[in-house]
Amino acid sequence: MHKFAYQTLALAAAFVATGALAEATRPLDALGACRLDEARIVLRFTFEGGACQQPGEATVVRGKDGIGNVTVPTANVGEICTMQIVPVVFSGVLNAGEAITSLDITVLKPNGNRQALGSTDVVADGDAPCLEPAAPAIN
């Protein structure tokens, strides 16, 4: 075999290994955002997560060109969890100024790796009124 053939094979193997280790992410479902007032945006979506997985408080960082970069951490709650995949619902209010017109959302696994991604425009005046999500019930 020619000496360059070994280098080509090694390079190809490196690319395959890198692709195999890439983070797998899922898309967000039922994704929507609307402007509640000048300073706040209501964000709602669903993602595939674990039966004990609960989303935390979302943070938003203003990016370029009116894009808000949103990060939603998650945590496992409960002592005994199954490996069952279920739809996990997020509904929250983001403190975001008027300059933000669209959102790039990243949901993080409890270990900090990316789990789900999505993007949406912020609707200012839609057909339905923008309503603040109800506070979760405390047991």
N, C-alpha and C. Protein backbone atom coordinates (compact mmCIF):
# COMPACT_ATOMS: atom_id res chain seq x y z
N MET A 1 0.85 -1.17 0.00
CA MET A 1 0.00 0.00 0.00
C MET A 1 0.90 1.23 0.00
N HIS A 2 0.51 2.22 -0.70
CA HIS A 2 1.27 3.47 -0.81
C HIS A 2 1.21 4.22 0.51
N LYS A 3 2.29 4.95 0.85
CA LYS A 3 2.36 5.63 2.16
C LYS A 3 1.25 6.67 2.32
N PHE A 4 0.79 7.29 1.23
CA PHE A 4 -0.29 8.28 1.34
C PHE A 4 -1.64 7.61 1.60
N ALA A 5 -1.78 6.35 1.22
CA ALA A 5 -3.01 5.60 1.46
C ALA A 5 -3.24 5.44 2.96
N TYR A 6 -2.19 5.18 3.73
CA TYR A 6 -2.33 5.04 5.18
C TYR A 6 -2.78 6.36 5.82
N GLN A 7 -2.22 7.47 5.34
CA GLN A 7 -2.60 8.77 5.87
C GLN A 7 -4.06 9.07 5.55
N THR A 8 -4.50 8.74 4.35
CA THR A 8 -5.88 8.96 3.95
C THR A 8 -6.83 8.12 4.81
N LEU A 9 -6.47 6.86 5.04
CA LEU A 9 -7.30 5.99 5.88
C LEU A 9 -7.36 6.51 7.32
N ALA A 10 -6.26 6.98 7.85
CA ALA A 10 -6.23 7.51 9.21
C ALA A 10 -7.10 8.76 9.32
N LEU A 11 -7.02 9.62 8.30
CA LEU A 11 -7.83 10.83 8.30
C LEU A 11 -9.31 10.50 8.21
N ALA A 12 -9.66 9.55 7.37
CA ALA A 12 -11.06 9.12 7.24
C ALA A 12 -11.57 8.53 8.55
N ALA A 13 -10.77 7.73 9.22
CA ALA A 13 -11.15 7.14 10.50
C ALA A 13 -11.37 8.21 11.56
N ALA A 14 -10.55 9.25 11.54
CA ALA A 14 -10.70 10.35 12.50
C ALA A 14 -12.03 11.08 12.29
N PHE A 15 -12.40 11.32 11.04
CA PHE A 15 -13.68 11.98 10.76
C PHE A 15 -14.86 11.13 11.19
N VAL A 16 -14.80 9.82 10.96
CA VAL A 16 -15.88 8.92 11.35
C VAL A 16 -16.00 8.89 12.87
N ALA A 17 -14.90 8.82 13.58
CA ALA A 17 -14.92 8.79 15.04
C ALA A 17 -15.49 10.09 15.60
N THR A 18 -15.13 11.21 15.01
CA THR A 18 -15.64 12.49 15.48
C THR A 18 -17.14 12.57 15.29
N GLY A 19 -17.65 12.11 14.17
CA GLY A 19 -19.08 12.13 13.91
C GLY A 19 -19.84 11.22 14.86
N ALA A 20 -19.25 10.10 15.23
CA ALA A 20 -19.91 9.17 16.14
C ALA A 20 -20.02 9.74 17.54
N LEU A 21 -19.10 10.61 17.91
CA LEU A 21 -19.12 11.19 19.25
C LEU A 21 -19.89 12.50 19.32
N ALA A 22 -20.41 12.98 18.23
CA ALA A 22 -21.14 14.25 18.23
C ALA A 22 -22.41 14.12 19.07
N GLU A 23 -22.79 15.23 19.70
CA GLU A 23 -23.99 15.23 20.53
C GLU A 23 -25.23 15.09 19.67
N ALA A 24 -26.10 14.18 20.06
CA ALA A 24 -27.37 14.02 19.37
C ALA A 24 -28.39 14.92 20.05
N THR A 25 -29.08 15.70 19.28
CA THR A 25 -30.12 16.57 19.83
C THR A 25 -31.43 16.32 19.10
N ARG A 26 -32.51 16.64 19.76
CA ARG A 26 -33.84 16.50 19.20
C ARG A 26 -34.41 17.89 18.96
N PRO A 27 -35.37 18.02 18.06
CA PRO A 27 -36.02 19.31 17.86
C PRO A 27 -37.06 19.57 18.96
N LEU A 28 -37.36 20.82 19.18
CA LEU A 28 -38.43 21.20 20.10
C LEU A 28 -39.76 21.09 19.37
N ASP A 29 -40.80 20.69 20.08
CA ASP A 29 -42.14 20.56 19.52
C ASP A 29 -43.03 21.64 20.12
N ALA A 30 -44.11 21.95 19.42
CA ALA A 30 -45.11 22.93 19.88
C ALA A 30 -44.43 24.22 20.36
N LEU A 31 -43.45 24.67 19.60
CA LEU A 31 -42.63 25.83 19.97
C LEU A 31 -43.32 27.13 19.58
N GLY A 32 -43.40 28.05 20.54
CA GLY A 32 -43.98 29.35 20.26
C GLY A 32 -43.53 30.38 21.27
N ALA A 33 -43.47 31.63 20.83
CA ALA A 33 -43.07 32.73 21.72
C ALA A 33 -43.90 33.95 21.34
N CYS A 34 -44.37 34.67 22.36
CA CYS A 34 -45.13 35.88 22.11
C CYS A 34 -44.70 36.95 23.11
N ARG A 35 -44.85 38.19 22.69
CA ARG A 35 -44.45 39.31 23.54
C ARG A 35 -45.58 39.64 24.50
N LEU A 36 -45.28 39.55 25.79
CA LEU A 36 -46.25 39.85 26.84
C LEU A 36 -46.35 41.35 27.07
N ASP A 37 -45.19 42.00 27.07
CA ASP A 37 -45.11 43.46 27.17
C ASP A 37 -43.74 43.89 26.65
N GLU A 38 -43.37 45.13 26.82
CA GLU A 38 -42.10 45.63 26.26
C GLU A 38 -40.87 44.88 26.78
N ALA A 39 -40.95 44.35 27.98
CA ALA A 39 -39.76 43.74 28.59
C ALA A 39 -39.82 42.22 28.69
N ARG A 40 -40.99 41.59 28.43
CA ARG A 40 -41.11 40.16 28.69
C ARG A 40 -41.69 39.39 27.50
N ILE A 41 -41.18 38.17 27.36
CA ILE A 41 -41.62 37.25 26.31
C ILE A 41 -42.08 35.95 26.97
N VAL A 42 -43.22 35.44 26.53
CA VAL A 42 -43.70 34.13 26.98
C VAL A 42 -43.17 33.09 25.99
N LEU A 43 -42.54 32.04 26.52
CA LEU A 43 -41.97 30.97 25.70
C LEU A 43 -42.60 29.65 26.13
N ARG A 44 -43.06 28.88 25.12
CA ARG A 44 -43.65 27.57 25.39
C ARG A 44 -43.10 26.57 24.38
N PHE A 45 -42.83 25.35 24.86
CA PHE A 45 -42.42 24.27 23.96
C PHE A 45 -42.50 22.95 24.71
N THR A 46 -42.36 21.88 23.94
CA THR A 46 -42.31 20.52 24.48
C THR A 46 -41.07 19.84 23.90
N PHE A 47 -40.43 19.00 24.69
CA PHE A 47 -39.29 18.23 24.20
C PHE A 47 -39.37 16.82 24.76
N GLU A 48 -38.69 15.89 24.09
CA GLU A 48 -38.63 14.51 24.57
C GLU A 48 -37.58 14.40 25.65
N GLY A 49 -38.01 13.98 26.84
CA GLY A 49 -37.08 13.89 27.96
C GLY A 49 -37.39 12.68 28.82
N GLY A 50 -36.69 12.59 29.92
CA GLY A 50 -36.88 11.48 30.84
C GLY A 50 -38.10 11.68 31.72
N ALA A 51 -38.62 10.58 32.24
CA ALA A 51 -39.83 10.62 33.05
C ALA A 51 -39.66 11.47 34.31
N CYS A 52 -38.46 11.60 34.82
CA CYS A 52 -38.20 12.40 36.02
C CYS A 52 -37.55 13.74 35.70
N GLN A 53 -37.43 14.07 34.43
CA GLN A 53 -36.73 15.29 34.03
C GLN A 53 -37.66 16.50 34.12
N GLN A 54 -37.16 17.54 34.75
CA GLN A 54 -37.94 18.77 34.92
C GLN A 54 -37.11 19.97 34.46
N PRO A 55 -37.71 20.85 33.64
CA PRO A 55 -36.96 22.03 33.19
C PRO A 55 -36.80 23.03 34.33
N GLY A 56 -35.67 23.73 34.29
CA GLY A 56 -35.40 24.77 35.27
C GLY A 56 -35.75 26.14 34.70
N GLU A 57 -35.21 27.16 35.32
CA GLU A 57 -35.48 28.53 34.88
C GLU A 57 -34.63 28.88 33.66
N ALA A 58 -35.29 29.40 32.65
CA ALA A 58 -34.61 29.76 31.41
C ALA A 58 -33.86 31.07 31.57
N THR A 59 -32.72 31.16 30.89
CA THR A 59 -31.97 32.41 30.84
C THR A 59 -31.87 32.84 29.38
N VAL A 60 -31.82 34.14 29.16
CA VAL A 60 -31.71 34.65 27.79
C VAL A 60 -30.57 35.65 27.73
N VAL A 61 -29.76 35.52 26.68
CA VAL A 61 -28.66 36.44 26.43
C VAL A 61 -28.90 37.05 25.06
N ARG A 62 -28.82 38.35 25.00
CA ARG A 62 -29.05 39.04 23.72
C ARG A 62 -27.87 38.80 22.78
N GLY A 63 -28.20 38.33 21.59
CA GLY A 63 -27.20 38.10 20.56
C GLY A 63 -27.27 39.18 19.50
N LYS A 64 -26.77 38.87 18.33
CA LYS A 64 -26.77 39.82 17.21
C LYS A 64 -28.10 39.79 16.47
N ASP A 65 -28.40 40.88 15.81
CA ASP A 65 -29.55 40.98 14.90
C ASP A 65 -30.88 40.61 15.53
N GLY A 66 -31.09 40.97 16.78
CA GLY A 66 -32.37 40.74 17.44
C GLY A 66 -32.61 39.33 17.92
N ILE A 67 -31.58 38.51 17.95
CA ILE A 67 -31.73 37.12 18.39
C ILE A 67 -31.43 37.01 19.87
N GLY A 68 -32.31 36.35 20.59
CA GLY A 68 -32.09 36.04 21.99
C GLY A 68 -31.68 34.59 22.11
N ASN A 69 -30.56 34.33 22.75
CA ASN A 69 -30.07 32.96 22.95
C ASN A 69 -30.56 32.47 24.31
N VAL A 70 -31.47 31.50 24.28
CA VAL A 70 -32.13 31.00 25.48
C VAL A 70 -31.54 29.65 25.86
N THR A 71 -31.25 29.49 27.15
CA THR A 71 -30.77 28.21 27.67
C THR A 71 -31.73 27.77 28.77
N VAL A 72 -32.19 26.52 28.65
CA VAL A 72 -33.09 25.95 29.65
C VAL A 72 -32.40 24.72 30.24
N PRO A 73 -31.94 24.82 31.49
CA PRO A 73 -31.34 23.64 32.13
C PRO A 73 -32.44 22.68 32.58
N THR A 74 -32.09 21.44 32.79
CA THR A 74 -33.04 20.48 33.35
C THR A 74 -32.37 19.74 34.50
N ALA A 75 -33.20 19.16 35.35
CA ALA A 75 -32.71 18.36 36.47
C ALA A 75 -33.61 17.14 36.60
N ASN A 76 -33.06 16.07 37.13
CA ASN A 76 -33.86 14.90 37.43
C ASN A 76 -34.42 15.06 38.83
N VAL A 77 -35.73 14.92 38.95
CA VAL A 77 -36.39 15.02 40.25
C VAL A 77 -36.95 13.65 40.58
N GLY A 78 -36.98 13.32 41.83
CA GLY A 78 -37.46 12.00 42.24
C GLY A 78 -36.28 11.08 42.49
N GLU A 79 -36.51 10.13 43.36
CA GLU A 79 -35.43 9.21 43.72
C GLU A 79 -35.36 8.01 42.79
N ILE A 80 -36.51 7.55 42.31
CA ILE A 80 -36.55 6.39 41.43
C ILE A 80 -37.13 6.84 40.10
N CYS A 81 -36.33 6.75 39.05
CA CYS A 81 -36.76 7.18 37.73
C CYS A 81 -36.63 6.03 36.75
N THR A 82 -37.56 5.97 35.83
CA THR A 82 -37.48 4.96 34.77
C THR A 82 -36.75 5.58 33.59
N MET A 83 -36.39 4.78 32.64
CA MET A 83 -35.72 5.25 31.44
C MET A 83 -36.75 5.63 30.36
N GLN A 84 -38.01 5.72 30.74
CA GLN A 84 -39.08 6.03 29.81
C GLN A 84 -38.92 7.44 29.25
N ILE A 85 -39.12 7.59 27.93
CA ILE A 85 -39.08 8.89 27.27
C ILE A 85 -40.51 9.44 27.22
N VAL A 86 -40.68 10.65 27.71
CA VAL A 86 -42.00 11.28 27.75
C VAL A 86 -41.89 12.72 27.25
N PRO A 87 -43.01 13.31 26.83
CA PRO A 87 -42.97 14.72 26.47
C PRO A 87 -42.86 15.57 27.75
N VAL A 88 -41.91 16.49 27.75
CA VAL A 88 -41.70 17.40 28.88
C VAL A 88 -42.11 18.79 28.40
N VAL A 89 -42.97 19.45 29.15
CA VAL A 89 -43.51 20.75 28.76
C VAL A 89 -42.76 21.86 29.49
N PHE A 90 -42.40 22.90 28.75
CA PHE A 90 -41.82 24.11 29.33
C PHE A 90 -42.73 25.27 29.00
N SER A 91 -42.98 26.10 29.98
CA SER A 91 -43.74 27.33 29.79
C SER A 91 -43.19 28.34 30.78
N GLY A 92 -42.69 29.45 30.27
CA GLY A 92 -42.08 30.43 31.15
C GLY A 92 -42.03 31.82 30.54
N VAL A 93 -41.67 32.77 31.38
CA VAL A 93 -41.55 34.16 30.97
C VAL A 93 -40.08 34.54 30.99
N LEU A 94 -39.62 35.12 29.88
CA LEU A 94 -38.24 35.58 29.76
C LEU A 94 -38.18 37.08 29.90
N ASN A 95 -37.23 37.58 30.64
CA ASN A 95 -36.97 39.01 30.68
C ASN A 95 -36.11 39.36 29.49
N ALA A 96 -36.75 39.91 28.47
CA ALA A 96 -36.06 40.22 27.22
C ALA A 96 -36.59 41.54 26.69
N GLY A 97 -35.72 42.42 26.36
CA GLY A 97 -36.12 43.74 25.87
C GLY A 97 -36.76 43.70 24.50
N GLU A 98 -37.24 44.84 24.06
CA GLU A 98 -37.92 44.97 22.78
C GLU A 98 -37.03 44.62 21.59
N ALA A 99 -35.73 44.73 21.75
CA ALA A 99 -34.81 44.47 20.64
C ALA A 99 -34.80 43.01 20.22
N ILE A 100 -35.23 42.09 21.09
CA ILE A 100 -35.22 40.67 20.75
C ILE A 100 -36.49 40.34 19.97
N THR A 101 -36.29 39.85 18.75
CA THR A 101 -37.41 39.53 17.86
C THR A 101 -37.49 38.05 17.52
N SER A 102 -36.45 37.29 17.82
CA SER A 102 -36.48 35.84 17.61
C SER A 102 -35.62 35.17 18.68
N LEU A 103 -35.86 33.87 18.88
CA LEU A 103 -35.18 33.13 19.93
C LEU A 103 -34.54 31.87 19.38
N ASP A 104 -33.32 31.60 19.81
CA ASP A 104 -32.64 30.33 19.59
C ASP A 104 -32.60 29.63 20.94
N ILE A 105 -33.24 28.48 21.05
CA ILE A 105 -33.41 27.81 22.34
C ILE A 105 -32.57 26.54 22.40
N THR A 106 -31.89 26.35 23.53
CA THR A 106 -31.13 25.14 23.80
C THR A 106 -31.60 24.57 25.14
N VAL A 107 -32.04 23.32 25.13
CA VAL A 107 -32.39 22.61 26.36
C VAL A 107 -31.20 21.74 26.72
N LEU A 108 -30.78 21.84 27.97
CA LEU A 108 -29.63 21.07 28.44
C LEU A 108 -30.07 19.86 29.25
N LYS A 109 -29.38 18.75 29.07
CA LYS A 109 -29.59 17.57 29.90
C LYS A 109 -29.12 17.89 31.32
N PRO A 110 -29.51 17.09 32.30
CA PRO A 110 -29.03 17.32 33.66
C PRO A 110 -27.50 17.33 33.78
N ASN A 111 -26.80 16.63 32.87
CA ASN A 111 -25.34 16.61 32.91
C ASN A 111 -24.71 17.80 32.19
N GLY A 112 -25.55 18.70 31.62
CA GLY A 112 -25.04 19.91 30.96
C GLY A 112 -24.88 19.79 29.45
N ASN A 113 -25.02 18.60 28.89
CA ASN A 113 -24.94 18.44 27.43
C ASN A 113 -26.23 18.91 26.77
N ARG A 114 -26.13 19.25 25.49
CA ARG A 114 -27.31 19.69 24.75
C ARG A 114 -28.25 18.52 24.53
N GLN A 115 -29.56 18.77 24.71
CA GLN A 115 -30.56 17.74 24.53
C GLN A 115 -31.52 18.07 23.39
N ALA A 116 -31.97 19.32 23.31
CA ALA A 116 -32.94 19.71 22.29
C ALA A 116 -32.66 21.14 21.86
N LEU A 117 -32.97 21.41 20.58
CA LEU A 117 -32.73 22.74 20.01
C LEU A 117 -33.95 23.20 19.23
N GLY A 118 -34.13 24.51 19.16
CA GLY A 118 -35.19 25.07 18.34
C GLY A 118 -35.03 26.56 18.18
N SER A 119 -35.72 27.11 17.19
CA SER A 119 -35.71 28.55 16.93
C SER A 119 -37.13 28.98 16.59
N THR A 120 -37.46 30.19 16.99
CA THR A 120 -38.79 30.73 16.68
C THR A 120 -38.74 32.25 16.69
N ASP A 121 -39.65 32.85 15.94
CA ASP A 121 -39.82 34.30 15.99
C ASP A 121 -40.73 34.63 17.17
N VAL A 122 -40.57 35.82 17.70
CA VAL A 122 -41.44 36.30 18.77
C VAL A 122 -42.62 37.02 18.12
N VAL A 123 -43.82 36.53 18.40
CA VAL A 123 -45.04 37.12 17.84
C VAL A 123 -45.44 38.31 18.72
N ALA A 124 -45.63 39.45 18.09
CA ALA A 124 -46.02 40.65 18.84
C ALA A 124 -47.53 40.71 19.03
N ASP A 125 -48.28 40.61 17.97
CA ASP A 125 -49.74 40.67 18.03
C ASP A 125 -50.29 39.54 17.17
N GLY A 126 -50.57 38.41 17.79
CA GLY A 126 -51.10 37.27 17.06
C GLY A 126 -52.61 37.23 17.11
N ASP A 127 -53.18 36.15 16.57
CA ASP A 127 -54.63 35.97 16.59
C ASP A 127 -55.13 35.76 18.02
N ALA A 128 -54.34 35.06 18.83
CA ALA A 128 -54.71 34.82 20.22
C ALA A 128 -53.90 35.76 21.11
N PRO A 129 -54.48 36.20 22.22
CA PRO A 129 -53.72 37.07 23.12
C PRO A 129 -52.57 36.32 23.78
N CYS A 130 -51.51 37.05 24.06
CA CYS A 130 -50.35 36.48 24.73
C CYS A 130 -50.64 36.49 26.23
N LEU A 131 -50.73 35.29 26.81
CA LEU A 131 -51.07 35.18 28.23
C LEU A 131 -49.90 34.63 29.03
N GLU A 132 -49.71 35.17 30.20
CA GLU A 132 -48.66 34.69 31.10
C GLU A 132 -49.03 33.30 31.58
N PRO A 133 -48.07 32.37 31.61
CA PRO A 133 -48.38 31.00 32.07
C PRO A 133 -48.81 31.00 33.54
N ALA A 134 -49.69 30.08 33.86
CA ALA A 134 -50.13 29.93 35.24
C ALA A 134 -48.98 29.42 36.08
N ALA A 135 -48.94 29.84 37.33
CA ALA A 135 -47.91 29.37 38.25
C ALA A 135 -48.12 27.88 38.52
N PRO A 136 -47.03 27.10 38.58
CA PRO A 136 -47.20 25.66 38.85
C PRO A 136 -47.74 25.43 40.26
N ALA A 137 -48.52 24.38 40.39
CA ALA A 137 -49.06 24.03 41.71
C ALA A 137 -47.94 23.49 42.59
N ILE A 138 -47.96 23.85 43.84
CA ILE A 138 -46.97 23.37 44.81
C ILE A 138 -47.64 22.33 45.68
N ASN A 139 -47.04 21.13 45.70
CA ASN A 139 -47.63 20.03 46.51
C ASN A 139 -47.21 20.12 47.93
